[in-house]
Protein backbone atom coordinates (compact mmCIF):
# COMPACT_ATOMS: atom_id res chain seq x y z
CA MET A 1 106.76 118.46 70.91
CA ALA A 2 105.06 119.64 74.24
CA ALA A 3 101.74 119.30 74.45
CA GLU A 4 99.52 122.38 74.25
CA PRO A 5 98.33 124.16 77.05
CA GLY A 6 94.83 123.11 78.33
CA CYS A 7 95.16 119.77 75.96
CA ARG A 8 94.16 117.38 78.78
CA ARG A 9 90.79 117.84 78.81
CA TRP A 10 89.42 114.10 78.81
CA HIS A 11 90.09 111.44 81.92
CA HIS A 12 90.42 108.35 80.82
CA SER A 13 87.35 107.24 82.97
CA GLU A 14 85.52 108.79 80.22
CA PRO A 15 85.84 106.58 77.38
CA GLY A 16 82.44 107.41 75.78
CA HIS A 17 82.69 110.87 76.33
CA ARG A 18 85.81 111.17 74.59
CA ARG A 19 84.70 108.80 71.95
CA ARG A 20 81.28 111.32 71.17
CA ARG A 21 83.72 114.15 71.39
CA ILE A 22 85.97 113.42 68.92
CA GLY A 23 83.24 111.86 66.91
CA GLN A 24 81.25 115.11 66.95
CA GLN A 25 84.29 116.63 65.19
CA GLN A 26 84.46 114.22 62.34
CA HIS A 27 80.74 114.35 61.84
CA HIS A 28 81.16 117.98 61.33
CA GLN A 29 84.13 117.47 58.92
CA GLN A 30 82.08 115.08 56.27
CA ARG A 31 80.96 116.68 53.21
CA GLY A 32 77.18 115.70 53.44
CA LYS A 33 75.49 114.84 49.85
CA SER A 34 78.14 116.27 47.75
CA GLY A 35 79.68 112.86 47.14
CA LYS A 36 83.06 114.45 47.94
CA SER A 37 85.86 112.49 50.65
CA CYS A 38 85.23 113.83 53.72
CA ASP A 39 88.23 116.41 55.38
CA SER A 40 89.86 113.12 57.25
CA CYS A 41 89.87 111.32 54.48
CA GLN A 42 92.20 114.01 52.25
CA LEU A 43 94.08 114.46 55.26
CA THR A 44 94.90 110.63 55.59
CA LYS A 45 96.01 110.89 51.95
CA ALA A 46 97.93 114.06 51.82
CA LEU A 47 99.86 113.09 55.27
CA SER A 48 100.76 109.38 54.02
CA ASP A 49 101.30 109.68 50.25
CA LYS A 50 104.66 110.57 49.86
CA ASP A 51 103.64 111.70 46.31
CA VAL A 52 101.36 114.58 47.31
CA SER A 53 102.14 118.07 46.78
CA GLU A 54 103.90 120.36 48.95
CA GLU A 55 101.19 122.84 48.28
CA HIS A 56 98.50 119.57 49.60
CA ARG A 57 101.05 118.64 52.18
CA ARG A 58 101.15 122.12 53.92
CA GLU A 59 97.48 122.69 53.63
CA ALA A 60 96.75 119.25 55.55
CA GLU A 61 99.07 120.56 57.64
CA ALA A 62 97.41 123.50 58.74
CA LYS A 63 94.12 122.08 58.77
CA THR A 64 95.78 119.13 61.32
CA ALA A 65 97.07 122.01 63.42
CA GLU A 66 93.28 123.16 63.86
CA LEU A 67 92.26 119.71 64.62
CA ALA A 68 94.63 119.16 66.89
CA THR A 69 93.58 122.06 68.84
CA LYS A 70 89.78 121.36 68.79
CA LEU A 71 90.44 117.41 69.99
CA GLY A 72 93.24 118.79 72.80
CA PHE A 73 96.50 117.08 71.28
CA THR A 74 99.71 118.24 70.07
CA LYS A 75 99.64 118.44 65.80
CA ALA A 76 102.52 115.79 65.96
CA ALA A 77 100.15 113.51 67.73
CA VAL A 78 97.36 113.86 65.27
CA THR A 79 99.29 113.69 62.26
CA GLU A 80 100.99 110.62 63.25
CA PHE A 81 96.89 109.62 63.60
CA PHE A 82 96.45 109.94 59.76
CA LYS A 83 99.81 108.40 58.89
CA ILE A 84 98.63 105.45 60.63
CA LEU A 85 95.38 105.02 58.87
CA GLY A 86 97.07 105.37 55.82
CA GLU A 87 99.62 103.03 56.56
CA THR A 88 97.26 100.29 57.46
CA ASP A 89 95.16 100.73 54.17
CA VAL A 90 91.88 101.57 55.85
CA PRO A 91 88.84 101.99 53.75
CA GLU A 92 88.03 105.55 52.97
CA GLU A 93 84.57 105.12 54.10
CA LYS A 94 85.85 103.82 57.68
CA ILE A 95 88.48 106.60 58.19
CA PRO A 96 86.43 109.00 60.16
CA ALA A 97 85.77 105.70 62.66
CA GLY A 98 88.75 104.99 62.60
CA LEU A 99 90.45 108.01 63.45
CA VAL A 100 88.20 108.39 66.27
CA GLU A 101 89.36 105.08 67.55
CA ILE A 102 92.93 105.79 67.32
CA ALA A 103 92.11 109.38 69.39
CA SER A 104 90.58 107.42 72.18
CA HIS A 105 92.78 104.85 72.52
CA PHE A 106 95.37 107.79 72.51
CA ALA A 107 93.81 109.92 74.76
CA GLN A 108 93.81 106.91 77.40
CA THR A 109 96.91 106.10 76.70
CA ARG A 110 98.34 109.22 77.51
CA ASP A 111 96.31 109.97 80.65
CA GLU A 112 97.09 106.48 81.84
CA LEU A 113 100.70 107.20 81.53
CA ALA A 114 100.51 110.77 83.24
CA ALA A 115 99.13 108.71 86.34
CA LEU A 116 102.31 106.47 86.30
CA ALA A 117 104.36 106.67 89.35
CA PRO A 118 106.96 103.83 89.56
CA ASP A 119 108.80 103.41 92.78
CA ASP A 120 112.00 102.67 90.41
CA ALA A 121 113.47 105.91 89.67
CA HIS A 122 114.80 104.77 86.60
CA ALA A 123 111.53 103.20 85.13
CA ALA A 124 110.11 106.32 86.43
CA ASN A 125 112.32 108.68 83.95
CA LEU A 126 111.57 106.05 81.34
CA ALA A 127 107.85 106.09 82.10
CA GLY A 128 108.14 109.90 81.69
CA SER A 129 110.37 110.17 78.55
CA ALA A 130 107.63 107.37 77.35
CA LYS A 131 104.74 110.10 77.82
CA SER A 132 106.54 112.78 76.09
CA ALA A 133 107.19 110.57 73.01
CA LEU A 134 103.34 109.95 73.01
CA ASP A 135 102.57 113.23 73.54
CA ALA A 136 105.13 114.12 70.32
CA GLY A 137 103.19 111.68 68.46
CA ARG A 138 106.34 108.89 68.37
CA LEU A 139 104.09 105.89 69.31
CA VAL A 140 107.21 103.33 68.79
CA GLU A 141 109.61 105.34 70.58
CA ALA A 142 106.99 105.41 73.61
CA ASP A 143 106.42 101.81 73.25
CA ASN A 144 110.29 101.06 73.52
CA LEU A 145 110.50 103.44 76.49
CA LEU A 146 107.69 101.37 78.14
CA ASP A 147 109.16 98.21 77.59
CA GLN A 148 112.41 99.25 78.80
CA ALA A 149 110.77 100.65 81.92
CA LYS A 150 109.01 97.29 82.13
CA GLU A 151 112.34 95.75 82.38
CA ALA A 152 113.74 97.96 84.95
CA GLU A 153 110.88 97.40 87.17
CA LEU A 154 111.07 93.86 87.14
CA ALA A 155 114.46 94.17 87.82
CA ALA A 156 113.73 95.60 90.85
CA LEU A 157 110.80 93.33 91.54
CA GLY A 158 113.71 90.54 91.47
CA GLN A 159 115.78 92.69 93.94
CA ALA A 160 112.68 92.96 96.06
CA HIS A 161 111.84 89.45 96.20
CA GLU A 162 115.25 88.37 96.82
CA LEU A 163 115.41 90.83 99.70
CA LYS A 164 112.25 89.60 100.78
CA GLN A 165 113.35 86.04 100.70
CA LYS A 166 116.44 86.76 102.64
CA ALA A 167 114.55 88.84 105.25
CA GLN A 168 112.61 85.70 105.93
CA ALA A 169 115.21 83.38 106.23
CA ALA A 170 116.77 85.72 108.77
CA GLU A 171 113.33 86.05 110.69
CA ASP A 172 113.02 81.94 110.73
CA ARG A 173 116.69 81.98 112.33
CA HIS A 174 115.90 84.25 114.87
CA ALA A 175 112.88 82.30 115.66
CA LEU A 176 114.49 78.92 115.82
CA ASN A 177 117.16 80.21 117.98
CA ALA A 178 114.69 81.58 120.37
CA ALA A 179 113.12 78.34 120.57
CA LYS A 180 116.30 76.62 121.10
CA LEU A 181 116.87 78.82 124.23
CA LEU A 182 113.44 78.01 125.16
CA ALA A 183 114.19 74.29 124.66
CA GLY A 184 117.54 74.98 126.71
CA ARG A 185 115.60 76.13 129.65
CA GLY A 186 113.32 73.24 129.39
CA ASP A 187 116.20 70.97 129.78
CA ILE A 188 117.06 72.81 132.92
CA ALA A 189 113.83 72.69 134.29
CA LEU A 190 113.50 68.87 133.44
CA THR A 191 116.82 68.54 135.19
CA GLN A 192 115.44 70.41 138.28
CA LEU A 193 112.80 68.14 137.92
CA ARG A 194 110.57 71.31 137.47
CA TYR A 195 108.03 69.44 135.30
CA ALA A 196 105.51 72.09 135.25
CA ASP A 197 108.28 74.75 134.31
CA ALA A 198 109.42 72.43 131.39
CA ALA A 199 106.32 72.14 129.83
CA ALA A 200 105.60 76.23 129.85
CA HIS A 201 109.11 76.28 128.32
CA PHE A 202 108.93 73.75 125.42
CA GLN A 203 105.59 75.32 124.38
CA LYS A 204 106.54 78.57 123.96
CA ALA A 205 109.63 77.31 121.81
CA VAL A 206 106.89 74.88 119.55
CA ALA A 207 104.94 78.37 119.35
CA LEU A 208 108.30 80.29 117.75
CA ILE A 209 108.94 77.19 115.12
CA PRO A 210 108.21 78.63 111.61
CA SER A 211 106.66 76.69 109.65
CA GLY A 212 108.49 73.74 107.52
CA TYR A 213 110.34 72.95 110.54
CA SER A 214 108.33 69.74 111.61
CA ALA A 215 111.33 68.18 112.81
CA GLU A 216 111.89 70.67 115.77
CA THR A 217 108.56 70.61 116.58
CA ALA A 218 108.26 67.40 117.19
CA ASP A 219 111.10 66.92 119.07
CA TYR A 220 109.87 69.81 121.21
CA LEU A 221 106.76 68.51 121.74
CA ASP A 222 108.07 65.28 122.90
CA ARG A 223 110.42 66.34 125.10
CA GLY A 224 107.89 68.77 126.76
CA ALA A 225 105.47 66.17 127.15
CA VAL A 226 105.52 66.00 130.57
CA ARG A 227 101.72 65.40 130.88
CA GLY A 228 100.62 62.71 133.26
CA VAL A 229 104.34 62.13 134.44
CA VAL A 230 104.74 61.81 138.26
CA GLY A 231 107.84 63.64 139.15
CA ILE A 232 109.68 63.66 142.47
CA GLU A 233 108.01 66.80 143.52
CA GLY A 234 105.02 64.44 144.06
CA GLY A 235 101.54 64.22 142.42
CA VAL A 236 100.94 64.49 138.39
CA VAL A 237 102.15 67.25 136.62
CA SER A 238 100.27 68.96 134.21
CA GLY A 239 102.19 70.00 130.99
CA CYS A 240 101.55 71.40 127.30
């Protein structure tokens, strides 16, 4: 069932306001000092008891629709609230407070689902279906759909992680290849007895080597360690 127009009256950032609003509705429905059960208690019994008369059920559904309009929920959702209270055997004196708690959690969940924007298209569709199921009071279905959406997002996460690993491996390969090319230039410079140029090439090669490649780093540092070496060019050569 689609949500009634104007039903989104609260925001999940205002849980205190939400509880007060629902609590006020329940306060007005209690019977005062007459000793009779509050309306929410009667509705809980009428909507969760399979043996209740059809007349009482229709009356309960009419009151539920009125309450749903006041609270800003669908009739189906509020009906589910009362069924939850009946199925969990909440003591009669705690039913009004229990209704407030259920409605508050429901409103927060509805707002959070509305704000969801999964990147994965399949997960996004499932989350949207979960929101629709929640609005219609089909909480079990909404929960199952959210579980499916979670699995879709985890699958997308795994794919993203794999792509990240592949991208990192490719980046490392390019860096190592560039370092090897610089080392080759360093070797040529050493062959030409251009020690300063060789040291510069090996220094740049070391800077490119990714973390975790200690052997390559040590090799280039050793080959580029020309500081203090006297070359045929004459003089003391400064290196890296």
